[in-house]
C-alpha atoms as a PDB file:
ATOM      1  CA  UNK A   1      82.447   4.165 -41.034  1.00  0.00           C
ATOM      2  CA  UNK A   2      82.726   4.012 -37.159  1.00  0.00           C
ATOM      3  CA  UNK A   3      79.993   0.968 -36.905  1.00  0.00           C
ATOM      4  CA  UNK A   4      78.255   2.850 -34.385  1.00  0.00           C
ATOM      5  CA  UNK A   5      74.909   2.394 -36.263  1.00  0.00           C
ATOM      6  CA  UNK A   6      75.642  -1.334 -36.405  1.00  0.00           C
ATOM      7  CA  UNK A   7      76.271  -1.949 -32.897  1.00  0.00           C
ATOM      8  CA  UNK A   8      73.127  -0.134 -31.640  1.00  0.00           C
ATOM      9  CA  UNK A   9      70.898  -1.798 -34.201  1.00  0.00           C
ATOM     10  CA  UNK A  10      72.423  -5.226 -32.950  1.00  0.00           C
ATOM     11  CA  UNK A  11      71.898  -4.148 -29.479  1.00  0.00           C
ATOM     12  CA  UNK A  12      68.076  -3.195 -30.144  1.00  0.00           C
ATOM     13  CA  UNK A  13      67.505  -6.288 -32.036  1.00  0.00           C
ATOM     14  CA  UNK A  14      68.907  -8.411 -29.016  1.00  0.00           C
ATOM     15  CA  UNK A  15      66.816  -6.441 -26.554  1.00  0.00           C
ATOM     16  CA  UNK A  16      63.573  -7.251 -28.736  1.00  0.00           C
ATOM     17  CA  UNK A  17      62.735  -3.841 -29.601  1.00  0.00           C
ATOM     18  CA  UNK A  18      61.311  -2.291 -32.466  1.00  0.00           C
ATOM     19  CA  UNK A  19      61.759   1.130 -33.902  1.00  0.00           C
ATOM     20  CA  UNK A  20      58.195   2.180 -32.985  1.00  0.00           C
ATOM     21  CA  UNK A  21      59.049   0.677 -29.401  1.00  0.00           C
ATOM     22  CA  UNK A  22      62.462   2.684 -29.513  1.00  0.00           C
ATOM     23  CA  UNK A  23      60.527   5.735 -30.542  1.00  0.00           C
ATOM     24  CA  UNK A  24      57.981   5.388 -27.680  1.00  0.00           C
ATOM     25  CA  UNK A  25      60.501   4.790 -24.918  1.00  0.00           C
ATOM     26  CA  UNK A  26      63.047   7.450 -26.042  1.00  0.00           C
ATOM     27  CA  UNK A  27      60.385   9.982 -27.665  1.00  0.00           C
ATOM     28  CA  UNK A  28      63.271  10.311 -30.421  1.00  0.00           C
ATOM     29  CA  UNK A  29      61.309  10.545 -33.918  1.00  0.00           C
ATOM     30  CA  UNK A  30      61.572   7.231 -35.898  1.00  0.00           C
ATOM     31  CA  UNK A  31      63.236   8.650 -38.685  1.00  0.00           C
ATOM     32  CA  UNK A  32      66.025   9.898 -36.592  1.00  0.00           C
ATOM     33  CA  UNK A  33      66.544   6.612 -35.221  1.00  0.00           C
ATOM     34  CA  UNK A  34      66.915   5.031 -38.456  1.00  0.00           C
ATOM     35  CA  UNK A  35      69.465   7.571 -39.574  1.00  0.00           C
ATOM     36  CA  UNK A  36      71.559   6.855 -36.703  1.00  0.00           C
ATOM     37  CA  UNK A  37      71.458   2.935 -37.270  1.00  0.00           C
ATOM     38  CA  UNK A  38      72.402   4.044 -41.006  1.00  0.00           C
ATOM     39  CA  UNK A  39      75.199   6.613 -39.826  1.00  0.00           C
ATOM     40  CA  UNK A  40      73.501   9.192 -41.525  1.00  0.00           C
ATOM     41  CA  UNK A  41      74.319  11.626 -38.941  1.00  0.00           C
ATOM     42  CA  UNK A  42      73.733  14.784 -41.533  1.00  0.00           C
ATOM     43  CA  UNK A  43      70.104  13.913 -41.607  1.00  0.00           C
ATOM     44  CA  UNK A  44      70.118  15.443 -37.896  1.00  0.00           C
ATOM     45  CA  UNK A  45      69.501  18.487 -36.687  1.00  0.00           C
ATOM     46  CA  UNK A  46      73.066  19.153 -35.313  1.00  0.00           C
ATOM     47  CA  UNK A  47      76.168  17.474 -33.763  1.00  0.00           C
ATOM     48  CA  UNK A  48      74.417  18.375 -30.429  1.00  0.00           C
ATOM     49  CA  UNK A  49      71.291  16.356 -30.978  1.00  0.00           C
ATOM     50  CA  UNK A  50      73.886  13.354 -32.778  1.00  0.00           C
ATOM     51  CA  UNK A  51      75.607  13.117 -29.424  1.00  0.00           C
ATOM     52  CA  UNK A  52      72.460  13.482 -27.321  1.00  0.00           C
ATOM     53  CA  UNK A  53      70.412  10.662 -29.512  1.00  0.00           C
ATOM     54  CA  UNK A  54      73.017   8.476 -29.449  1.00  0.00           C
ATOM     55  CA  UNK A  55      73.689   8.381 -25.614  1.00  0.00           C
ATOM     56  CA  UNK A  56      69.944   8.200 -25.291  1.00  0.00           C
ATOM     57  CA  UNK A  57      69.565   5.270 -27.766  1.00  0.00           C
ATOM     58  CA  UNK A  58      73.086   3.631 -26.002  1.00  0.00           C
ATOM     59  CA  UNK A  59      71.228   3.622 -22.544  1.00  0.00           C
ATOM     60  CA  UNK A  60      68.241   2.247 -23.624  1.00  0.00           C
ATOM     61  CA  UNK A  61      69.462  -0.781 -25.188  1.00  0.00           C
ATOM     62  CA  UNK A  62      72.070  -1.477 -22.305  1.00  0.00           C
ATOM     63  CA  UNK A  63      75.491  -0.217 -24.082  1.00  0.00           C
ATOM     64  CA  UNK A  64      78.098   2.275 -22.881  1.00  0.00           C
ATOM     65  CA  UNK A  65      77.120   5.471 -24.123  1.00  0.00           C
ATOM     66  CA  UNK A  66      80.759   6.557 -22.966  1.00  0.00           C
ATOM     67  CA  UNK A  67      82.611   4.530 -25.565  1.00  0.00           C
ATOM     68  CA  UNK A  68      80.167   5.215 -28.125  1.00  0.00           C
ATOM     69  CA  UNK A  69      80.585   9.062 -27.879  1.00  0.00           C
ATOM     70  CA  UNK A  70      84.471   8.300 -28.187  1.00  0.00           C
ATOM     71  CA  UNK A  71      84.018   6.573 -31.442  1.00  0.00           C
ATOM     72  CA  UNK A  72      81.353   9.060 -32.374  1.00  0.00           C
ATOM     73  CA  UNK A  73      84.076  11.954 -31.859  1.00  0.00           C
ATOM     74  CA  UNK A  74      86.872   9.692 -33.484  1.00  0.00           C
ATOM     75  CA  UNK A  75      84.671   9.504 -36.586  1.00  0.00           C
ATOM     76  CA  UNK A  76      83.989  13.045 -36.718  1.00  0.00           C
ATOM     77  CA  UNK A  77      87.840  14.230 -36.228  1.00  0.00           C
ATOM     78  CA  UNK A  78      88.492  11.412 -39.166  1.00  0.00           C
ATOM     79  CA  UNK A  79      85.879  13.126 -41.181  1.00  0.00           C
ATOM     80  CA  UNK A  80      87.012  16.342 -44.069  1.00  0.00           C
ATOM     81  CA  UNK A  81      87.424  19.668 -42.649  1.00  0.00           C
ATOM     82  CA  UNK A  82      84.869  20.822 -45.360  1.00  0.00           C
ATOM     83  CA  UNK A  83      82.392  18.780 -43.888  1.00  0.00           C
ATOM     84  CA  UNK A  84      83.290  19.885 -39.926  1.00  0.00           C
ATOM     85  CA  UNK A  85      83.098  23.500 -41.321  1.00  0.00           C
ATOM     86  CA  UNK A  86      80.022  23.131 -42.928  1.00  0.00           C
ATOM     87  CA  UNK A  87      78.626  21.700 -39.750  1.00  0.00           C
ATOM     88  CA  UNK A  88      79.952  23.994 -37.664  1.00  0.00           C
ATOM     89  CA  UNK A  89      78.418  26.909 -40.002  1.00  0.00           C
ATOM     90  CA  UNK A  90      74.997  25.706 -39.945  1.00  0.00           C
ATOM     91  CA  UNK A  91      72.647  28.585 -39.276  1.00  0.00           C
ATOM     92  CA  UNK A  92      71.464  28.994 -35.908  1.00  0.00           C
ATOM     93  CA  UNK A  93      68.098  29.464 -37.096  1.00  0.00           C
ATOM     94  CA  UNK A  94      67.731  26.369 -38.462  1.00  0.00           C
ATOM     95  CA  UNK A  95      68.999  24.563 -35.251  1.00  0.00           C
ATOM     96  CA  UNK A  96      66.219  26.458 -33.109  1.00  0.00           C
ATOM     97  CA  UNK A  97      63.239  25.766 -35.586  1.00  0.00           C
ATOM     98  CA  UNK A  98      64.325  22.304 -35.483  1.00  0.00           C
ATOM     99  CA  UNK A  99      64.302  21.976 -31.975  1.00  0.00           C
ATOM    100  CA  UNK A 100      61.171  23.888 -31.496  1.00  0.00           C
ATOM    101  CA  UNK A 101      59.744  21.194 -34.195  1.00  0.00           C
ATOM    102  CA  UNK A 102      60.654  18.346 -31.901  1.00  0.00           C
ATOM    103  CA  UNK A 103      59.208  19.745 -28.906  1.00  0.00           C
ATOM    104  CA  UNK A 104      56.022  20.233 -30.529  1.00  0.00           C
ATOM    105  CA  UNK A 105      56.021  16.747 -31.846  1.00  0.00           C
ATOM    106  CA  UNK A 106      56.597  15.596 -28.325  1.00  0.00           C
ATOM    107  CA  UNK A 107      54.226  17.449 -26.794  1.00  0.00           C
ATOM    108  CA  UNK A 108      51.565  16.391 -29.414  1.00  0.00           C
ATOM    109  CA  UNK A 109      52.672  12.540 -28.970  1.00  0.00           C
ATOM    110  CA  UNK A 110      52.369  12.821 -25.086  1.00  0.00           C
ATOM    111  CA  UNK A 111      49.068  14.517 -25.140  1.00  0.00           C
ATOM    112  CA  UNK A 112      47.743  11.973 -27.971  1.00  0.00           C
ATOM    113  CA  UNK A 113      49.068   9.001 -25.656  1.00  0.00           C
ATOM    114  CA  UNK A 114      47.004  10.941 -22.853  1.00  0.00           C
ATOM    115  CA  UNK A 115      43.636  11.297 -24.840  1.00  0.00           C
ATOM    116  CA  UNK A 116      42.273   8.026 -23.972  1.00  0.00           C
ATOM    117  CA  UNK A 117      42.830   8.465 -20.283  1.00  0.00           C
ATOM    118  CA  UNK A 118      41.228  11.844 -20.399  1.00  0.00           C
ATOM    119  CA  UNK A 119      38.334  10.656 -22.358  1.00  0.00           C
ATOM    120  CA  UNK A 120      37.706   7.403 -20.154  1.00  0.00           C
ATOM    121  CA  UNK A 121      38.131   9.935 -17.066  1.00  0.00           C
ATOM    122  CA  UNK A 122      35.510  12.545 -18.694  1.00  0.00           C
ATOM    123  CA  UNK A 123      32.927   9.681 -19.232  1.00  0.00           C
ATOM    124  CA  UNK A 124      32.912   8.297 -15.816  1.00  0.00           C
ATOM    125  CA  UNK A 125      32.656  11.996 -14.419  1.00  0.00           C
ATOM    126  CA  UNK A 126      29.735  12.913 -16.480  1.00  0.00           C
ATOM    127  CA  UNK A 127      27.921   9.043 -15.269  1.00  0.00           C
ATOM    128  CA  UNK A 128      28.687   9.492 -11.769  1.00  0.00           C
ATOM    129  CA  UNK A 129      27.152  13.208 -12.232  1.00  0.00           C
ATOM    130  CA  UNK A 130      23.869  11.926 -13.881  1.00  0.00           C
ATOM    131  CA  UNK A 131      23.616   9.305 -11.336  1.00  0.00           C
ATOM    132  CA  UNK A 132      23.925  11.709  -8.326  1.00  0.00           C
ATOM    133  CA  UNK A 133      21.431  14.213  -9.963  1.00  0.00           C
ATOM    134  CA  UNK A 134      18.881  11.733 -10.906  1.00  0.00           C
ATOM    135  CA  UNK A 135      19.379  10.414  -7.107  1.00  0.00           C
ATOM    136  CA  UNK A 136      19.042  13.753  -5.749  1.00  0.00           C
ATOM    137  CA  UNK A 137      16.103  14.420  -7.859  1.00  0.00           C
ATOM    138  CA  UNK A 138      14.267  11.104  -6.600  1.00  0.00           C
ATOM    139  CA  UNK A 139      15.213  11.839  -2.918  1.00  0.00           C
ATOM    140  CA  UNK A 140      13.140  15.205  -3.365  1.00  0.00           C
ATOM    141  CA  UNK A 141      10.392  13.566  -5.199  1.00  0.00           C
ATOM    142  CA  UNK A 142      10.359  11.038  -2.326  1.00  0.00           C
ATOM    143  CA  UNK A 143      10.407  13.837   0.631  1.00  0.00           C
ATOM    144  CA  UNK A 144       7.876  16.274  -1.305  1.00  0.00           C
ATOM    145  CA  UNK A 145       5.384  12.886  -1.405  1.00  0.00           C
ATOM    146  CA  UNK A 146       6.039  11.702   2.328  1.00  0.00           C
ATOM    147  CA  UNK A 147       5.187  15.201   3.436  1.00  0.00           C
ATOM    148  CA  UNK A 148       2.096  15.169   1.467  1.00  0.00           C
ATOM    149  CA  UNK A 149       0.879  11.674   2.295  1.00  0.00           C
ATOM    150  CA  UNK A 150       1.514  12.859   6.053  1.00  0.00           C
ATOM    151  CA  UNK A 151      -0.629  15.777   5.720  1.00  0.00           C
ATOM    152  CA  UNK A 152      -3.254  14.039   4.029  1.00  0.00           C
ATOM    153  CA  UNK A 153      -3.620  11.333   6.674  1.00  0.00           C
ATOM    154  CA  UNK A 154      -3.399  13.902   9.262  1.00  0.00           C
ATOM    155  CA  UNK A 155      -6.193  15.891   7.548  1.00  0.00           C
ATOM    156  CA  UNK A 156      -8.092  12.368   6.853  1.00  0.00           C
ATOM    157  CA  UNK A 157      -7.729  11.378  10.755  1.00  0.00           C
ATOM    158  CA  UNK A 158      -8.887  15.007  11.811  1.00  0.00           C
ATOM    159  CA  UNK A 159     -11.885  14.445   9.550  1.00  0.00           C
ATOM    160  CA  UNK A 160     -12.647  10.820  10.564  1.00  0.00           C
ATOM    161  CA  UNK A 161     -12.280  11.907  14.310  1.00  0.00           C
ATOM    162  CA  UNK A 162     -14.629  14.756  14.037  1.00  0.00           C
ATOM    163  CA  UNK A 163     -16.947  12.579  11.896  1.00  0.00           C
ATOM    164  CA  UNK A 164     -16.688   9.924  14.716  1.00  0.00           C
ATOM    165  CA  UNK A 165     -17.708  12.557  17.292  1.00  0.00           C
ATOM    166  CA  UNK A 166     -20.214  13.569  15.459  1.00  0.00           C
ATOM    167  CA  UNK A 167     -21.722  10.593  14.767  1.00  0.00           C
ATOM    168  CA  UNK A 168     -21.358   9.360  18.490  1.00  0.00           C
ATOM    169  CA  UNK A 169     -23.205  12.595  19.636  1.00  0.00           C
ATOM    170  CA  UNK A 170     -25.915  11.676  17.241  1.00  0.00           C
ATOM    171  CA  UNK A 171     -26.059   8.158  18.077  1.00  0.00           C
ATOM    172  CA  UNK A 172     -26.240   9.107  21.822  1.00  0.00           C
ATOM    173  CA  UNK A 173     -28.789  11.857  21.078  1.00  0.00           C
ATOM    174  CA  UNK A 174     -31.098   9.378  18.859  1.00  0.00           C
ATOM    175  CA  UNK A 175     -30.976   6.674  21.316  1.00  0.00           C
ATOM    176  CA  UNK A 176     -31.493   9.071  24.405  1.00  0.00           C
ATOM    177  CA  UNK A 177     -34.582  10.151  22.266  1.00  0.00           C
ATOM    178  CA  UNK A 178     -35.435   6.664  21.560  1.00  0.00           C
ATOM    179  CA  UNK A 179     -35.254   5.622  25.226  1.00  0.00           C
ATOM    180  CA  UNK A 180     -37.298   7.984  26.236  1.00  0.00           C
ATOM    181  CA  UNK A 181     -39.781   7.413  23.552  1.00  0.00           C
ATOM    182  CA  UNK A 182     -39.961   3.501  24.330  1.00  0.00           C
ATOM    183  CA  UNK A 183     -39.939   4.417  27.756  1.00  0.00           C
ATOM    184  CA  UNK A 184     -43.106   6.855  27.427  1.00  0.00           C
ATOM    185  CA  UNK A 185     -44.747   3.911  24.904  1.00  0.00           C
ATOM    186  CA  UNK A 186     -44.215   1.543  27.715  1.00  0.00           C
ATOM    187  CA  UNK A 187     -45.410   3.881  30.533  1.00  0.00           C
ATOM    188  CA  UNK A 188     -48.568   4.371  28.353  1.00  0.00           C
ATOM    189  CA  UNK A 189     -49.133   0.803  27.389  1.00  0.00           C
ATOM    190  CA  UNK A 190     -48.502  -0.103  31.289  1.00  0.00           C
ATOM    191  CA  UNK A 191     -50.806   2.599  32.256  1.00  0.00           C
ATOM    192  CA  UNK A 192     -53.442   1.505  29.275  1.00  0.00           C
ATOM    193  CA  UNK A 193     -52.837  -2.295  30.738  1.00  0.00           C
ATOM    194  CA  UNK A 194     -53.595  -1.483  34.319  1.00  0.00           C
ATOM    195  CA  UNK A 195     -56.477   0.835  33.624  1.00  0.00           C
ATOM    196  CA  UNK A 196     -58.166  -2.162  31.445  1.00  0.00           C
ATOM    197  CA  UNK A 197     -57.152  -4.364  34.001  1.00  0.00           C
ATOM    198  CA  UNK A 198     -58.735  -2.104  36.759  1.00  0.00           C
ATOM    199  CA  UNK A 199     -61.969  -1.316  34.672  1.00  0.00           C
ATOM    200  CA  UNK A 200     -62.210  -4.839  32.992  1.00  0.00           C
ATOM    201  CA  UNK A 201     -63.012  -7.738  35.577  1.00  0.00           C
ATOM    202  CA  UNK A 202     -65.616 -10.758  36.334  1.00  0.00           C
ATOM    203  CA  UNK A 203     -67.698 -10.688  39.403  1.00  0.00           C
ATOM    204  CA  UNK A 204     -69.291 -13.601  40.881  1.00  0.00           C
ATOM    205  CA  UNK A 205     -72.801 -12.176  41.543  1.00  0.00           C
ATOM    206  CA  UNK A 206     -74.977 -15.689  42.621  1.00  0.00           C
ATOM    207  CA  UNK A 207     -74.390 -19.387  42.544  1.00  0.00           C
ATOM    208  CA  UNK A 208     -76.853 -22.016  42.536  1.00  0.00           C
ATOM    209  CA  UNK A 209     -75.498 -25.656  41.830  1.00  0.00           C
ATOM    210  CA  UNK A 210     -73.972 -25.842  38.636  1.00  0.00           C
ATOM    211  CA  UNK A 211     -75.307 -22.122  37.829  1.00  0.00           C
ATOM    212  CA  UNK A 212     -73.322 -19.235  37.726  1.00  0.00           C
ATOM    213  CA  UNK A 213     -73.880 -15.474  37.395  1.00  0.00           C
ATOM    214  CA  UNK A 214     -71.444 -13.198  36.516  1.00  0.00           C
ATOM    215  CA  UNK A 215     -71.126  -9.403  35.768  1.00  0.00           C
ATOM    216  CA  UNK A 216     -68.452  -8.391  33.859  1.00  0.00           C
ATOM    217  CA  UNK A 217     -67.587  -4.704  34.150  1.00  0.00           C
ATOM    218  CA  UNK A 218     -65.748  -2.047  31.904  1.00  0.00           C
ATOM    219  CA  UNK A 219     -67.719  -3.283  28.925  1.00  0.00           C
ATOM    220  CA  UNK A 220     -70.995  -1.943  27.333  1.00  0.00           C
ATOM    221  CA  UNK A 221     -71.433  -5.017  25.395  1.00  0.00           C
ATOM    222  CA  UNK A 222     -69.896  -8.467  24.529  1.00  0.00           C
ATOM    223  CA  UNK A 223     -68.410  -8.619  20.843  1.00  0.00           C
ATOM    224  CA  UNK A 224     -66.666 -12.160  20.889  1.00  0.00           C
ATOM    225  CA  UNK A 225     -66.206 -15.493  22.799  1.00  0.00           C
ATOM    226  CA  UNK A 226     -62.929 -17.633  22.060  1.00  0.00           C
ATOM    227  CA  UNK A 227     -63.285 -21.398  23.629  1.00  0.00           C
ATOM    228  CA  UNK A 228     -59.905 -23.232  23.852  1.00  0.00           C
ATOM    229  CA  UNK A 229     -60.000 -27.317  24.350  1.00  0.00           C
ATOM    230  CA  UNK A 230     -57.161 -28.655  26.072  1.00  0.00           C
ATOM    231  CA  UNK A 231     -57.195 -32.462  27.461  1.00  0.00           C
ATOM    232  CA  UNK A 232     -60.099 -34.145  26.244  1.00  0.00           C
ATOM    233  CA  UNK A 233     -63.215 -33.619  23.883  1.00  0.00           C
ATOM    234  CA  UNK A 234     -65.615 -30.904  24.800  1.00  0.00           C
ATOM    235  CA  UNK A 235     -69.459 -30.115  23.981  1.00  0.00           C
ATOM    236  CA  UNK A 236     -70.131 -26.268  24.438  1.00  0.00           C
ATOM    237  CA  UNK A 237     -73.067 -23.588  23.516  1.00  0.00           C
ATOM    238  CA  UNK A 238     -73.143 -20.134  23.085  1.00  0.00           C
ATOM    239  CA  UNK A 239     -76.355 -18.029  23.214  1.00  0.00           C
ATOM    240  CA  UNK A 240     -76.865 -14.305  22.839  1.00  0.00           C
ATOM    241  CA  UNK A 241     -80.091 -12.579  24.135  1.00  0.00           C
ATOM    242  CA  UNK A 242     -82.216 -15.687  24.167  1.00  0.00           C
ATOM    243  CA  UNK A 243     -80.440 -16.780  20.696  1.00  0.00           C
ATOM    244  CA  UNK A 244     -78.255 -19.473  20.276  1.00  0.00           C
ATOM    245  CA  UNK A 245     -75.285 -18.249  18.530  1.00  0.00           C
ATOM    246  CA  UNK A 246     -73.110 -21.555  18.340  1.00  0.00           C
ATOM    247  CA  UNK A 247     -73.086 -25.113  19.593  1.00  0.00           C
ATOM    248  CA  UNK A 248     -70.770 -27.939  18.882  1.00  0.00           C
ATOM    249  CA  UNK A 249     -67.865 -30.625  20.178  1.00  0.00           C
ATOM    250  CA  UNK A 250     -64.368 -29.588  20.095  1.00  0.00           C
ATOM    251  CA  UNK A 251     -61.313 -32.253  20.298  1.00  0.00           C
ATOM    252  CA  UNK A 252     -58.193 -31.326  22.263  1.00  0.00           C
ATOM    253  CA  UNK A 253     -55.840 -28.481  20.676  1.00  0.00           C
ATOM    254  CA  UNK A 254     -58.919 -26.973  18.873  1.00  0.00           C
ATOM    255  CA  UNK A 255     -60.713 -23.705  19.521  1.00  0.00           C
ATOM    256  CA  UNK A 256     -63.671 -21.797  18.033  1.00  0.00           C
ATOM    257  CA  UNK A 257     -64.659 -18.139  18.078  1.00  0.00           C
ATOM    258  CA  UNK A 258     -67.775 -16.864  18.281  1.00  0.00           C
ATOM    259  CA  UNK A 259     -68.552 -13.358  16.867  1.00  0.00           C
ATOM    260  CA  UNK A 260     -71.495 -11.689  18.335  1.00  0.00           C
ATOM    261  CA  UNK A 261     -74.735  -9.657  17.399  1.00  0.00           C
ATOM    262  CA  UNK A 262     -73.864  -5.821  18.541  1.00  0.00           C
ATOM    263  CA  UNK A 263     -75.359  -4.504  21.369  1.00  0.00           C
ATOM    264  CA  UNK A 264     -75.164  -7.730  22.913  1.00  0.00           C
ATOM    265  CA  UNK A 265     -75.295  -7.345  26.616  1.00  0.00           C
ATOM    266  CA  UNK A 266     -75.725 -10.681  28.089  1.00  0.00           C
ATOM    267  CA  UNK A 267     -74.396 -14.243  27.427  1.00  0.00           C
ATOM    268  CA  UNK A 268     -75.393 -17.767  28.426  1.00  0.00           C
ATOM    269  CA  UNK A 269     -72.384 -20.222  27.995  1.00  0.00           C
ATOM    270  CA  UNK A 270     -73.206 -24.045  28.906  1.00  0.00           C
ATOM    271  CA  UNK A 271     -70.353 -26.197  29.094  1.00  0.00           C
ATOM    272  CA  UNK A 272     -70.191 -30.084  28.906  1.00  0.00           C
ATOM    273  CA  UNK A 273     -66.744 -30.494  29.914  1.00  0.00           C
ATOM    274  CA  UNK A 274     -65.645 -27.456  32.042  1.00  0.00           C
ATOM    275  CA  UNK A 275     -62.372 -28.455  33.354  1.00  0.00           C
ATOM    276  CA  UNK A 276     -60.833 -29.029  29.280  1.00  0.00           C
ATOM    277  CA  UNK A 277     -62.436 -25.974  28.490  1.00  0.00           C
ATOM    278  CA  UNK A 278     -60.835 -22.185  28.551  1.00  0.00           C
ATOM    279  CA  UNK A 279     -62.984 -18.905  27.556  1.00  0.00           C
ATOM    280  CA  UNK A 280     -61.893 -15.705  26.584  1.00  0.00           C
ATOM    281  CA  UNK A 281     -64.306 -12.813  26.052  1.00  0.00           C
ATOM    282  CA  UNK A 282     -63.725  -9.463  24.320  1.00  0.00           C
ATOM    283  CA  UNK A 283     -60.088 -10.649  24.643  1.00  0.00           C
ATOM    284  CA  UNK A 284     -59.883 -10.891  28.116  1.00  0.00           C
ATOM    285  CA  UNK A 285     -59.448 -14.413  29.687  1.00  0.00           C
ATOM    286  CA  UNK A 286     -62.174 -15.550  31.872  1.00  0.00           C
ATOM    287  CA  UNK A 287     -60.732 -17.797  34.653  1.00  0.00           C
ATOM    288  CA  UNK A 288     -64.382 -19.307  35.958  1.00  0.00           C
ATOM    289  CA  UNK A 289     -62.452 -22.500  37.567  1.00  0.00           C
ATOM    290  CA  UNK A 290     -61.209 -20.439  40.368  1.00  0.00           C
ATOM    291  CA  UNK A 291     -65.126 -20.372  41.638  1.00  0.00           C
ATOM    292  CA  UNK A 292     -65.498 -24.150  41.401  1.00  0.00           C
ATOM    293  CA  UNK A 293     -62.923 -26.359  39.634  1.00  0.00           C
ATOM    294  CA  UNK A 294     -64.842 -29.541  40.598  1.00  0.00           C
ATOM    295  CA  UNK A 295     -67.696 -29.353  38.505  1.00  0.00           C
ATOM    296  CA  UNK A 296     -67.394 -30.934  34.711  1.00  0.00           C
ATOM    297  CA  UNK A 297     -70.847 -29.466  33.592  1.00  0.00           C
ATOM    298  CA  UNK A 298     -72.162 -25.927  34.097  1.00  0.00           C
ATOM    299  CA  UNK A 299     -73.894 -23.078  32.936  1.00  0.00           C
ATOM    300  CA  UNK A 300     -72.639 -19.552  33.146  1.00  0.00           C
ATOM    301  CA  UNK A 301     -74.548 -16.069  32.583  1.00  0.00           C
ATOM    302  CA  UNK A 302     -72.783 -12.781  32.212  1.00  0.00           C
ATOM    303  CA  UNK A 303     -74.139  -9.587  31.692  1.00  0.00           C
ATOM    304  CA  UNK A 304     -72.196  -6.238  30.964  1.00  0.00           C
ATOM    305  CA  UNK A 305     -71.664  -3.396  33.049  1.00  0.00           C
ATOM    306  CA  UNK A 306     -69.770   0.005  32.638  1.00  0.00           C
END
């Protein structure tokens, strides 16, 4: 025995390698490593592989491969001629088949070792592709939504502007119409008021002491007399066509309205405190104090004239 196997095994153990570790490093099948350590070189494919595997094994565990090769040559030369002959006459086909088997096994081992990495890379690529597809889809949706919203805003803004313009025009037209109507009504009222003011007035026709005679132009008959008291109590009497319609005393702040018979054309009003009494006839204020504001008691006679 050459002790080659023991030397290699001892170096392997010293390095802390297991047979599985050594198989992973050298890519030599485990059964061949065991055969080398047990020096069963006949289990190896051929002499070429014996030398190659021993050299690779030795270099991996830190031994001098040259000296082990020399030992192997010595051990081989010391072996029987029959063994050498049998070894040298091994069919070429068997060697080639074994070599192909080893190559296939090595390729399978390399692929199997790389398989987890390939799977991880494929999963990462799929995930990244999915993320990109989702992001791109969202981007397209957002762009479409923004375009629709922008178009909608422009349409709404245009519609609002047209409505506002229409409302403004309508408002201006309505305002102009109302203003014209109001002006016309105001003018009509003023004209009517002026006409009434011009037609209805009190004219003093005669005066004797505390008796005053007036003519009220612009009326055909007297319908109503209103008395208002301010300052102190006042006695008054209203007669129409020689008939007393009302008489009484009113306190300051009080008032009284006398409705006259239809067709009344003459009034006689007697005032006990003319300075505190105000008269309104047919809705027209009668300022009798302007003719004499010093008298307290007075008798007023009024006739209607159109």
